[in-house]
Protein backbone atom coordinates (compact mmCIF):
# COMPACT_ATOMS: atom_id res chain seq x y z
CA MET A 1 118.19 111.25 133.91
CA GLY A 2 121.35 112.97 132.76
CA THR A 3 121.85 116.66 132.08
CA GLY A 4 119.42 117.33 129.25
CA LEU A 5 117.59 120.63 128.91
CA ILE A 6 115.20 120.23 131.84
CA PRO A 7 117.55 118.91 134.55
CA ALA A 8 120.41 121.19 133.45
CA ASP A 9 121.13 124.35 135.38
CA GLY A 10 123.03 127.60 135.00
CA GLU A 11 125.17 128.08 131.89
CA VAL A 12 124.42 124.58 130.55
CA TRP A 13 120.67 125.33 130.62
CA ARG A 14 121.13 128.77 128.99
CA ALA A 15 123.29 127.40 126.17
CA ARG A 16 120.92 124.53 125.40
CA ARG A 17 117.86 126.76 125.61
CA ARG A 18 119.39 129.21 123.12
CA ALA A 19 120.03 126.32 120.76
CA ILE A 20 116.43 125.07 120.75
CA VAL A 21 114.51 128.37 120.83
CA PRO A 22 114.39 128.74 117.00
CA ALA A 23 112.82 125.29 116.72
CA LEU A 24 110.04 126.35 119.08
CA HIS A 25 109.10 129.62 117.37
CA LYS A 26 105.30 129.92 117.02
CA LYS A 27 105.32 130.21 113.23
CA TYR A 28 107.66 127.25 112.84
CA VAL A 29 105.64 125.06 115.19
CA ALA A 30 102.42 126.05 113.39
CA SER A 31 103.86 125.09 110.02
CA MET A 32 105.11 121.76 111.41
CA VAL A 33 101.70 120.98 112.92
CA GLY A 34 100.13 121.71 109.52
CA MET A 35 102.60 119.41 107.76
CA PHE A 36 102.11 116.65 110.35
CA SER A 37 98.33 116.96 109.96
CA GLN A 38 98.56 116.66 106.18
CA SER A 39 100.82 113.63 106.49
CA ALA A 40 98.48 111.97 108.99
CA LEU A 41 95.41 112.60 106.80
CA HIS A 42 97.20 111.25 103.74
CA GLY A 43 98.24 108.18 105.71
CA CYS A 44 94.67 107.62 106.89
CA LYS A 45 93.36 107.89 103.33
CA THR A 46 95.95 105.35 102.22
CA LEU A 47 94.87 102.94 104.96
CA ASP A 48 91.22 103.49 103.99
CA ARG A 49 92.01 102.38 100.44
CA VAL A 50 93.70 99.24 101.75
CA SER A 51 90.74 98.56 104.00
CA GLU A 52 88.30 98.93 101.11
CA ARG A 53 90.27 96.34 99.13
CA ARG A 54 90.32 94.07 102.19
CA SER A 55 94.00 93.36 101.69
CA GLU A 56 96.78 93.02 104.23
CA THR A 57 99.61 95.49 104.61
CA CYS A 58 102.64 96.23 106.76
CA VAL A 59 101.68 99.29 108.79
CA ARG A 60 105.18 99.39 110.31
CA HIS A 61 106.64 100.03 106.85
CA MET A 62 104.16 102.85 106.25
CA ALA A 63 104.77 104.42 109.69
CA THR A 64 108.53 104.30 109.10
CA SER A 65 108.15 105.89 105.66
CA ILE A 66 105.86 108.64 106.94
CA SER A 67 108.26 109.37 109.81
CA LEU A 68 111.16 109.64 107.37
CA CYS A 69 109.10 111.98 105.21
CA MET A 70 108.19 114.16 108.20
CA VAL A 71 111.86 114.53 109.12
CA ALA A 72 113.22 114.97 105.59
CA GLN A 73 110.69 117.50 104.35
CA PRO A 74 111.21 120.31 106.90
CA SER A 75 114.87 119.74 107.69
CA LEU A 76 116.27 118.85 104.26
CA HIS A 77 113.55 120.33 102.02
CA VAL A 78 113.22 116.93 100.37
CA HIS A 79 109.88 115.43 99.39
CA ILE A 80 109.76 111.64 99.33
CA PRO A 81 107.05 110.80 96.79
CA HIS A 82 106.56 107.15 97.73
CA ALA A 83 106.45 107.64 101.50
CA TYR A 84 102.80 106.57 101.61
CA THR A 85 103.06 103.57 99.32
CA LEU A 86 101.88 100.41 101.02
CA HIS A 87 103.03 96.92 100.22
CA THR A 88 99.86 94.88 100.18
CA SER A 89 99.35 91.20 99.79
């Protein structure tokens, strides 16, 4: 299992815990949950439109794009405008 945060002990645990505490602040987590919810809803709406057209699409491409958007937006302050674009056939 290694010596990640949970199995670590003593000084190793304290140093790693100090490093991740800011990422687990209540306000930060709340804003991330809000962003993830918006992304999920937008993705669902996009899939609904594809379903209404009865066309095929690559969901893997969309999931990858949404994941990239979810990482880039909070960490790099970059919005990827075409993250939810689906390639339909």
